[in-house]
Amino acid sequence: MDGAPDKDEMSLGTAGKSLPPRIGLALSGGGVRAAVFHLGVLRRLACESLLEGVSSVSTVSGGSLVTAAIFSQAGMKWPTSVDYLQLVYPELRRRIIAADLFTLRSIGWSGLAEFNLRLIRGRALVLAAMLERVWGVFGRLADLPDAPQWFINTTCIDTGKNWRFSKREMGDWTFGRHYAPDVPVAVAAAASAAVPYVIGAMPLSLPVTGWWETDPATSKQTHMKPPPKIQVRLWDGGAYDNMGLEVLTKPGRGLRSCDFLICSDASGALPQSGDRPLAALLSGRLSGPRLFDVAGDQIRALRSRMLIADISAGTVDGVLLRMGNSVRAVDVKSGTTRPASFYDGFQSDEQAQLALRHPTDLKAPSESQFDVLARHGFEIADATLTTYVPARFPKSSSWSDLT
């Protein structure tokens, strides 16, 4: 894989069907690049007043960070489409371009004195603190609304499984599940973005009672059990699945918690080489050791292809929005022919590829970089939905109409 979209990765959907009312969102990792791309995708949905139809949100890494910020800016509720367009999106744009989320520059000399050894041994906790200060994230999982359900995906180092947080549940099927998680939203989101070695593991102290063994096939409780440990270490959810799909769909099994899936995949191109952890921290990049980058890229590619196969077979009703595709690329894949002048109103093929190659980091983008990434998400969502779900999206929306 060289990061360029290939035939199997291009966006597909279920043509000719009206969009069902329960929408599931899977928002991938990818640092600030992914966060801003997803904001653009949600902006396109808000144009059709569809945020009200979101029933479940599954997030990883950058997707988790920005979803935490969305809930916080909306007062610990899921925003209406109007509130998103008029309040949440403009405020998050202001915050994201104002300061780095996690670099030595953003931490500053006072932060170095405050965090001291945690910058060596507990950087994930420092990221949680910066998420509160810079992006305005607050509250605890119990403060989240019942709907939509938000699933925050991490990877448990101790079990090797997908450790998941939500309002009423945390754990994995091997370790056990607890149904009253008392965890700050910023900690859960930072754990989801704890890139191995660069950010490092999030240590999480656990309650000693209230754990259940669950059936791995049905997730139903079988019996109570003591936790095997009183602390776990959680890594970036992307080490297990950077697209956050598993809670919403498994290959060949259809959808859960939703009727229509929008998978927003803002995974970046495979970097040329992985930085050493210290060098990555100093530069603000989130690239881990080369082995993790290669493995993560292959896992993403396989999951993309399995999702496309299920969509093509009709097992899953949904679309895949793949960063790096241009509007022209969506048309080529679907066999749509348009006049050459049609594409003048959209980002070019080159701009789409430049967005894909935006670094995976937690630095503040410039205003122009933010707008390029958000517009890319908006336009790919628009092109994919109007092409593959024309009964629900018969008319294209223009980015320029909103700016």
Protein backbone atom coordinates (compact mmCIF):
# COMPACT_ATOMS: atom_id res chain seq x y z
CA MET A 1 0.00 0.00 0.00
CA ASP A 2 1.41 3.40 -0.92
CA GLY A 3 -1.42 5.48 0.55
CA ALA A 4 -3.02 6.27 -2.82
CA PRO A 5 -6.64 5.13 -3.16
CA ASP A 6 -6.95 1.96 -5.21
CA LYS A 7 -9.95 0.37 -6.81
CA ASP A 8 -10.96 -1.60 -3.73
CA GLU A 9 -10.73 1.42 -1.45
CA MET A 10 -12.89 3.80 -3.41
CA SER A 11 -16.19 4.89 -1.87
CA LEU A 12 -19.17 2.63 -2.46
CA GLY A 13 -22.75 2.85 -1.33
CA THR A 14 -26.19 1.36 -1.78
CA ALA A 15 -27.76 3.15 -4.71
CA GLY A 16 -31.43 3.85 -5.09
CA LYS A 17 -32.42 3.54 -1.43
CA SER A 18 -33.71 6.33 0.77
CA LEU A 19 -31.56 6.90 3.83
CA PRO A 20 -33.00 5.12 6.91
CA PRO A 21 -33.54 7.16 10.06
CA ARG A 22 -30.83 5.63 12.27
CA ILE A 23 -27.39 6.70 11.08
CA GLY A 24 -24.21 5.17 12.46
CA LEU A 25 -20.97 7.15 12.23
CA ALA A 26 -17.53 5.53 12.32
CA LEU A 27 -14.90 8.26 12.62
CA SER A 28 -11.32 7.13 12.12
CA GLY A 29 -8.06 8.19 13.67
CA GLY A 30 -5.47 10.44 12.10
CA GLY A 31 -4.70 13.25 14.56
CA VAL A 32 -5.84 16.78 13.79
CA ARG A 33 -6.05 15.91 10.09
CA ALA A 34 -8.79 13.38 10.85
CA ALA A 35 -10.50 15.64 13.38
CA VAL A 36 -10.93 18.46 10.86
CA PHE A 37 -11.90 16.11 8.00
CA HIS A 38 -14.66 14.64 10.19
CA LEU A 39 -15.88 18.14 11.08
CA GLY A 40 -16.31 18.73 7.34
CA VAL A 41 -18.23 15.47 6.90
CA LEU A 42 -20.58 16.39 9.76
CA ARG A 43 -21.04 19.84 8.25
CA ARG A 44 -22.34 18.20 5.08
CA LEU A 45 -24.76 16.04 7.07
CA ALA A 46 -25.95 19.09 9.00
CA CYS A 47 -26.85 20.77 5.71
CA GLU A 48 -29.52 18.07 5.28
CA SER A 49 -30.58 18.27 8.96
CA LEU A 50 -29.31 14.71 9.42
CA LEU A 51 -27.38 15.04 12.66
CA GLU A 52 -30.71 14.49 14.42
CA GLY A 53 -30.82 11.02 12.85
CA VAL A 54 -27.47 9.84 14.27
CA SER A 55 -28.08 6.89 16.61
CA SER A 56 -24.51 5.73 17.24
CA VAL A 57 -21.00 7.12 16.93
CA SER A 58 -17.89 4.93 17.05
CA THR A 59 -14.56 6.76 17.18
CA VAL A 60 -10.83 6.20 17.24
CA SER A 61 -7.97 8.56 18.12
CA GLY A 62 -8.46 11.85 16.24
CA GLY A 63 -12.12 10.95 15.78
CA SER A 64 -12.45 10.47 19.55
CA LEU A 65 -10.71 13.76 20.34
CA VAL A 66 -12.98 15.81 18.08
CA THR A 67 -16.16 14.00 19.18
CA ALA A 68 -15.26 14.76 22.80
CA ALA A 69 -14.94 18.41 21.80
CA ILE A 70 -18.27 18.34 19.92
CA PHE A 71 -20.18 16.95 22.91
CA SER A 72 -18.49 19.46 25.22
CA GLN A 73 -19.20 22.47 23.01
CA ALA A 74 -22.83 21.36 22.74
CA GLY A 75 -23.22 21.16 26.53
CA MET A 76 -22.78 17.38 26.82
CA LYS A 77 -25.43 16.60 24.24
CA TRP A 78 -25.33 15.77 20.56
CA PRO A 79 -25.84 19.01 18.64
CA THR A 80 -28.78 19.69 16.39
CA SER A 81 -27.85 20.44 12.80
CA VAL A 82 -28.56 24.15 13.31
CA ASP A 83 -26.47 24.32 16.49
CA TYR A 84 -23.64 22.48 14.77
CA LEU A 85 -23.56 24.87 11.82
CA GLN A 86 -24.01 28.07 13.82
CA LEU A 87 -22.23 27.35 17.10
CA VAL A 88 -20.22 24.13 17.39
CA TYR A 89 -18.34 24.14 14.09
CA PRO A 90 -17.27 27.83 14.27
CA GLU A 91 -16.14 27.47 17.90
CA LEU A 92 -14.14 24.32 17.26
CA ARG A 93 -12.54 25.92 14.21
CA ARG A 94 -11.47 28.81 16.43
CA ARG A 95 -10.06 26.52 19.12
CA ILE A 96 -8.28 24.09 16.79
CA ILE A 97 -6.41 26.78 14.83
CA ALA A 98 -5.59 28.79 17.98
CA ALA A 99 -3.06 26.46 19.62
CA ASP A 100 -1.37 23.08 19.33
CA LEU A 101 -3.19 20.36 21.23
CA PHE A 102 -0.10 18.41 22.27
CA THR A 103 3.44 19.55 21.50
CA LEU A 104 6.23 20.82 23.72
CA ARG A 105 5.42 24.30 22.41
CA SER A 106 1.82 24.06 23.57
CA ILE A 107 2.82 22.69 26.97
CA GLY A 108 5.28 25.53 27.52
CA TRP A 109 7.74 26.14 30.35
CA SER A 110 5.01 26.31 32.99
CA GLY A 111 3.63 23.02 31.74
CA LEU A 112 7.07 21.43 31.85
CA ALA A 113 7.29 22.35 35.52
CA GLU A 114 3.71 21.23 36.19
CA PHE A 115 3.81 17.90 34.40
CA ASN A 116 7.56 17.13 34.92
CA LEU A 117 7.97 13.34 35.07
CA ARG A 118 4.57 12.73 33.50
CA LEU A 119 6.07 13.91 30.20
CA ILE A 120 8.31 10.86 30.42
CA ARG A 121 6.03 8.30 32.02
CA GLY A 122 2.49 9.63 31.68
CA ARG A 123 2.13 11.59 28.45
CA ALA A 124 -1.36 10.21 27.86
CA LEU A 125 -2.52 11.89 31.07
CA VAL A 126 -0.87 15.10 29.90
CA LEU A 127 -2.78 14.82 26.61
CA ALA A 128 -6.04 14.50 28.59
CA ALA A 129 -5.19 17.67 30.53
CA MET A 130 -4.36 19.55 27.32
CA LEU A 131 -7.59 18.33 25.72
CA GLU A 132 -9.50 19.99 28.54
CA ARG A 133 -7.52 23.24 28.38
CA VAL A 134 -7.11 23.73 24.64
CA TRP A 135 -10.23 22.15 23.10
CA GLY A 136 -12.56 22.73 26.07
CA VAL A 137 -13.42 19.10 26.79
CA PHE A 138 -15.08 18.50 30.16
CA GLY A 139 -17.35 16.13 32.04
CA ARG A 140 -17.40 12.41 32.69
CA LEU A 141 -18.81 9.50 30.73
CA ALA A 142 -21.90 9.46 32.95
CA ASP A 143 -22.69 13.03 31.82
CA LEU A 144 -23.08 11.96 28.18
CA PRO A 145 -26.55 11.65 26.67
CA ASP A 146 -28.20 8.27 26.17
CA ALA A 147 -28.58 9.02 22.48
CA PRO A 148 -26.67 8.85 20.32
CA GLN A 149 -24.57 6.09 21.83
CA TRP A 150 -20.90 7.06 21.69
CA PHE A 151 -18.34 4.25 21.65
CA ILE A 152 -14.74 5.31 22.32
CA ASN A 153 -12.30 2.67 21.07
CA THR A 154 -8.91 1.92 22.60
CA THR A 155 -6.58 -1.07 22.59
CA CYS A 156 -5.91 -2.87 25.87
CA ILE A 157 -2.23 -3.79 26.08
CA ASP A 158 -2.93 -6.39 28.76
CA THR A 159 -5.48 -8.39 26.73
CA GLY A 160 -4.74 -7.29 23.17
CA LYS A 161 -8.47 -6.62 22.66
CA ASN A 162 -10.61 -3.63 21.76
CA TRP A 163 -11.28 -1.90 25.10
CA ARG A 164 -14.34 0.25 24.64
CA PHE A 165 -15.80 3.15 26.65
CA SER A 166 -19.37 4.41 26.51
CA LYS A 167 -21.73 6.14 28.90
CA ARG A 168 -22.82 2.88 30.55
CA GLU A 169 -20.02 0.44 29.82
CA MET A 170 -16.26 -0.08 29.68
CA GLY A 171 -14.00 -3.06 29.18
CA ASP A 172 -13.47 -5.86 26.69
CA TRP A 173 -14.81 -9.38 26.41
CA THR A 174 -11.63 -10.99 27.75
CA PHE A 175 -11.05 -8.72 30.75
CA GLY A 176 -14.71 -8.23 31.61
CA ARG A 177 -17.18 -5.36 31.45
CA HIS A 178 -18.21 -2.74 33.97
CA TYR A 179 -21.54 -0.95 33.59
CA ALA A 180 -20.97 2.24 35.59
CA PRO A 181 -17.67 3.68 34.34
CA ASP A 182 -16.55 6.71 36.35
CA VAL A 183 -14.04 8.09 33.85
CA PRO A 184 -13.47 11.66 32.59
CA VAL A 185 -14.35 12.11 28.92
CA ALA A 186 -10.91 13.66 28.31
CA VAL A 187 -9.18 10.57 29.74
CA ALA A 188 -11.19 8.15 27.60
CA ALA A 189 -10.61 10.24 24.45
CA ALA A 190 -6.89 10.64 25.19
CA ALA A 191 -6.58 6.88 25.75
CA SER A 192 -8.11 6.39 22.30
CA ALA A 193 -5.34 8.60 20.86
CA ALA A 194 -2.43 7.23 22.92
CA VAL A 195 -0.15 6.34 20.03
CA PRO A 196 2.29 3.60 21.11
CA TYR A 197 5.56 4.98 22.49
CA VAL A 198 5.02 8.54 21.21
CA ILE A 199 2.15 9.37 23.56
CA GLY A 200 2.44 6.09 25.41
CA ALA A 201 -0.09 4.04 27.34
CA MET A 202 -2.90 5.53 29.37
CA PRO A 203 -2.87 3.96 32.86
CA LEU A 204 -6.41 3.43 34.11
CA SER A 205 -7.19 2.48 37.70
CA LEU A 206 -10.24 0.24 37.92
CA PRO A 207 -13.01 -0.36 40.45
CA VAL A 208 -12.57 -3.64 42.29
CA THR A 209 -16.24 -4.66 42.07
CA GLY A 210 -19.00 -4.57 39.49
CA TRP A 211 -17.30 -6.59 36.73
CA TRP A 212 -19.13 -9.11 34.55
CA GLU A 213 -18.07 -11.97 32.34
CA THR A 214 -19.84 -11.66 28.99
CA ASP A 215 -20.57 -14.02 26.14
CA PRO A 216 -18.23 -13.02 23.28
CA ALA A 217 -20.86 -13.90 20.68
CA THR A 218 -23.79 -12.00 22.19
CA SER A 219 -22.15 -9.59 24.70
CA LYS A 220 -24.74 -10.70 27.26
CA GLN A 221 -23.72 -10.92 30.91
CA THR A 222 -23.14 -14.45 32.23
CA HIS A 223 -21.82 -13.98 35.78
CA MET A 224 -20.01 -11.47 37.96
CA LYS A 225 -16.25 -11.82 38.35
CA PRO A 226 -13.42 -10.02 40.10
CA PRO A 227 -11.22 -8.00 37.77
CA PRO A 228 -7.99 -9.80 36.90
CA LYS A 229 -6.11 -6.53 37.55
CA ILE A 230 -6.87 -3.23 39.26
CA GLN A 231 -5.13 -1.19 36.55
CA VAL A 232 -4.92 -1.56 32.78
CA ARG A 233 -2.82 0.19 30.16
CA LEU A 234 -4.63 1.46 27.11
CA TRP A 235 -3.16 2.32 23.74
CA ASP A 236 -4.48 4.10 20.69
CA GLY A 237 -7.58 2.38 19.32
CA GLY A 238 -5.92 2.45 15.91
CA ALA A 239 -3.55 -0.30 17.03
CA TYR A 240 -6.61 -2.58 16.87
CA ASP A 241 -8.87 -0.91 14.28
CA ASN A 242 -8.26 2.64 13.07
CA MET A 243 -11.72 2.86 11.50
CA GLY A 244 -13.78 2.02 14.59
CA LEU A 245 -16.00 -0.39 12.71
CA GLU A 246 -16.23 -3.42 14.97
CA VAL A 247 -18.87 -2.10 17.36
CA LEU A 248 -21.15 -1.19 14.43
CA THR A 249 -20.51 -4.05 12.03
CA LYS A 250 -18.52 -7.24 11.68
CA PRO A 251 -17.79 -8.88 8.31
CA GLY A 252 -20.84 -10.67 6.96
CA ARG A 253 -23.06 -9.83 9.95
CA GLY A 254 -24.79 -6.61 8.95
CA LEU A 255 -25.20 -3.53 11.14
CA ARG A 256 -25.76 -3.04 14.86
CA SER A 257 -27.22 0.03 16.58
CA CYS A 258 -27.94 1.70 13.24
CA ASP A 259 -29.61 1.20 9.85
CA PHE A 260 -27.16 3.11 7.66
CA LEU A 261 -23.40 3.41 8.14
CA ILE A 262 -21.20 6.34 7.21
CA CYS A 263 -17.57 5.39 7.70
CA SER A 264 -15.33 8.46 7.53
CA ASP A 265 -11.80 7.18 7.00
CA ALA A 266 -9.19 9.93 7.33
CA SER A 267 -6.25 7.57 7.74
CA GLY A 268 -3.15 9.10 6.20
CA ALA A 269 -0.67 7.80 3.69
CA LEU A 270 1.94 5.38 5.05
CA PRO A 271 4.87 7.60 6.10
CA GLN A 272 8.28 7.04 4.59
CA SER A 273 9.73 5.98 7.93
CA GLY A 274 8.72 6.01 11.56
CA ASP A 275 10.28 8.62 13.84
CA ARG A 276 11.91 7.63 17.09
CA PRO A 277 9.48 8.40 19.94
CA LEU A 278 11.48 11.37 21.27
CA ALA A 279 11.94 12.85 17.80
CA ALA A 280 8.23 12.38 17.11
CA LEU A 281 7.33 14.14 20.36
CA LEU A 282 9.63 17.07 19.61
CA SER A 283 8.20 17.44 16.09
CA GLY A 284 4.60 16.96 17.20
CA ARG A 285 4.11 14.00 14.88
CA LEU A 286 2.22 10.89 15.95
CA SER A 287 4.10 8.37 13.85
CA GLY A 288 5.25 5.37 15.85
CA PRO A 289 7.90 2.77 15.10
CA ARG A 290 7.88 1.65 11.46
CA LEU A 291 6.46 -1.77 12.34
CA PHE A 292 3.34 -0.18 13.89
CA ASP A 293 2.85 2.12 10.90
CA VAL A 294 3.06 -0.78 8.43
CA ALA A 295 0.81 -3.07 10.49
CA GLY A 296 -1.74 -0.31 11.01
CA ASP A 297 -1.84 0.50 7.30
CA GLN A 298 -2.45 -3.13 6.40
CA ILE A 299 -5.16 -3.57 9.05
CA ARG A 300 -6.95 -0.49 7.71
CA ALA A 301 -6.69 -1.73 4.12
CA LEU A 302 -8.13 -5.13 5.04
CA ARG A 303 -11.00 -3.66 7.03
CA SER A 304 -11.76 -1.25 4.17
CA ARG A 305 -11.98 -4.12 1.71
CA MET A 306 -14.19 -6.20 4.01
CA LEU A 307 -16.53 -3.25 4.45
CA ILE A 308 -16.65 -2.64 0.70
CA ALA A 309 -17.41 -6.33 0.14
CA ASP A 310 -20.31 -6.20 2.60
CA ILE A 311 -21.69 -3.01 1.02
CA SER A 312 -21.40 -4.52 -2.47
CA ALA A 313 -23.15 -7.70 -1.31
CA GLY A 314 -25.95 -5.73 0.35
CA THR A 315 -25.07 -7.04 3.81
CA VAL A 316 -24.36 -3.48 4.96
CA ASP A 317 -26.27 -0.39 3.87
CA GLY A 318 -23.76 2.42 3.92
CA VAL A 319 -20.88 4.33 2.40
CA LEU A 320 -17.15 4.62 2.89
CA LEU A 321 -15.72 8.13 2.70
CA ARG A 322 -12.02 7.79 1.94
CA MET A 323 -9.70 10.71 2.43
CA GLY A 324 -7.56 11.42 -0.64
CA ASN A 325 -10.35 10.75 -3.14
CA SER A 326 -11.35 13.75 -5.20
CA VAL A 327 -14.83 14.40 -6.58
CA ARG A 328 -13.46 13.37 -9.97
CA ALA A 329 -12.19 10.09 -8.47
CA VAL A 330 -15.66 9.32 -7.08
CA ASP A 331 -17.12 9.93 -10.54
CA VAL A 332 -14.53 7.74 -12.27
CA LYS A 333 -15.24 4.87 -9.87
CA SER A 334 -19.01 5.17 -10.33
CA GLY A 335 -18.78 5.59 -14.11
CA THR A 336 -20.30 9.08 -13.98
CA THR A 337 -19.40 11.33 -16.92
CA ARG A 338 -19.49 15.10 -16.50
CA PRO A 339 -18.20 18.10 -18.43
CA ALA A 340 -14.62 19.02 -17.52
CA SER A 341 -15.81 22.42 -16.28
CA PHE A 342 -17.97 20.72 -13.62
CA TYR A 343 -14.91 20.06 -11.47
CA ASP A 344 -13.87 23.70 -11.38
CA GLY A 345 -16.10 24.23 -8.36
CA PHE A 346 -14.42 21.51 -6.28
CA GLN A 347 -11.01 20.76 -4.87
CA SER A 348 -8.66 19.38 -7.49
CA ASP A 349 -7.17 15.88 -7.55
CA GLU A 350 -3.90 17.39 -6.35
CA GLN A 351 -5.55 19.18 -3.42
CA ALA A 352 -7.23 15.93 -2.35
CA GLN A 353 -3.89 14.15 -2.32
CA LEU A 354 -2.28 17.01 -0.38
CA ALA A 355 -5.00 16.68 2.25
CA LEU A 356 -4.22 12.97 2.51
CA ARG A 357 -0.57 13.78 3.11
CA HIS A 358 -1.20 16.34 5.84
CA PRO A 359 0.93 15.13 8.78
CA THR A 360 -0.60 12.96 11.46
CA ASP A 361 -0.01 15.27 14.41
CA LEU A 362 -1.72 17.30 17.11
CA LYS A 363 -0.52 20.69 15.92
CA ALA A 364 -2.77 23.64 15.23
CA PRO A 365 -3.37 23.95 11.48
CA SER A 366 -3.40 27.36 9.88
CA GLU A 367 -6.77 28.82 8.89
CA SER A 368 -6.18 27.84 5.28
CA GLN A 369 -5.08 24.29 6.22
CA PHE A 370 -8.16 23.85 8.41
CA ASP A 371 -10.46 25.00 5.63
CA VAL A 372 -8.79 22.74 3.05
CA LEU A 373 -9.17 19.66 5.29
CA ALA A 374 -12.74 20.47 6.32
CA ARG A 375 -13.77 21.24 2.75
CA HIS A 376 -12.25 17.94 1.64
CA GLY A 377 -14.44 16.07 4.13
CA PHE A 378 -17.51 18.05 3.10
CA GLU A 379 -17.00 17.50 -0.64
CA ILE A 380 -16.20 13.78 -0.42
CA ALA A 381 -19.27 13.26 1.76
CA ASP A 382 -21.37 15.23 -0.72
CA ALA A 383 -20.03 13.46 -3.81
CA THR A 384 -20.32 9.97 -2.30
CA LEU A 385 -23.80 10.41 -0.85
CA THR A 386 -25.31 12.07 -3.93
CA THR A 387 -23.77 9.41 -6.15
CA TYR A 388 -24.57 6.29 -4.16
CA VAL A 389 -27.66 7.32 -2.18
CA PRO A 390 -29.40 9.53 -4.74
CA ALA A 391 -32.91 8.90 -3.42
CA ARG A 392 -31.95 10.63 -0.17
CA PHE A 393 -29.37 13.04 -1.56
CA PRO A 394 -30.69 14.06 -4.97
CA LYS A 395 -28.96 17.44 -4.99
CA SER A 396 -25.38 18.38 -4.30
CA SER A 397 -24.52 20.98 -1.67
CA SER A 398 -21.76 23.54 -2.22
CA TRP A 399 -19.07 24.44 0.28
CA SER A 400 -19.14 28.01 -1.02
CA ASP A 401 -22.79 28.35 0.04
CA LEU A 402 -21.72 28.00 3.67
CA THR A 403 -18.68 30.29 3.65
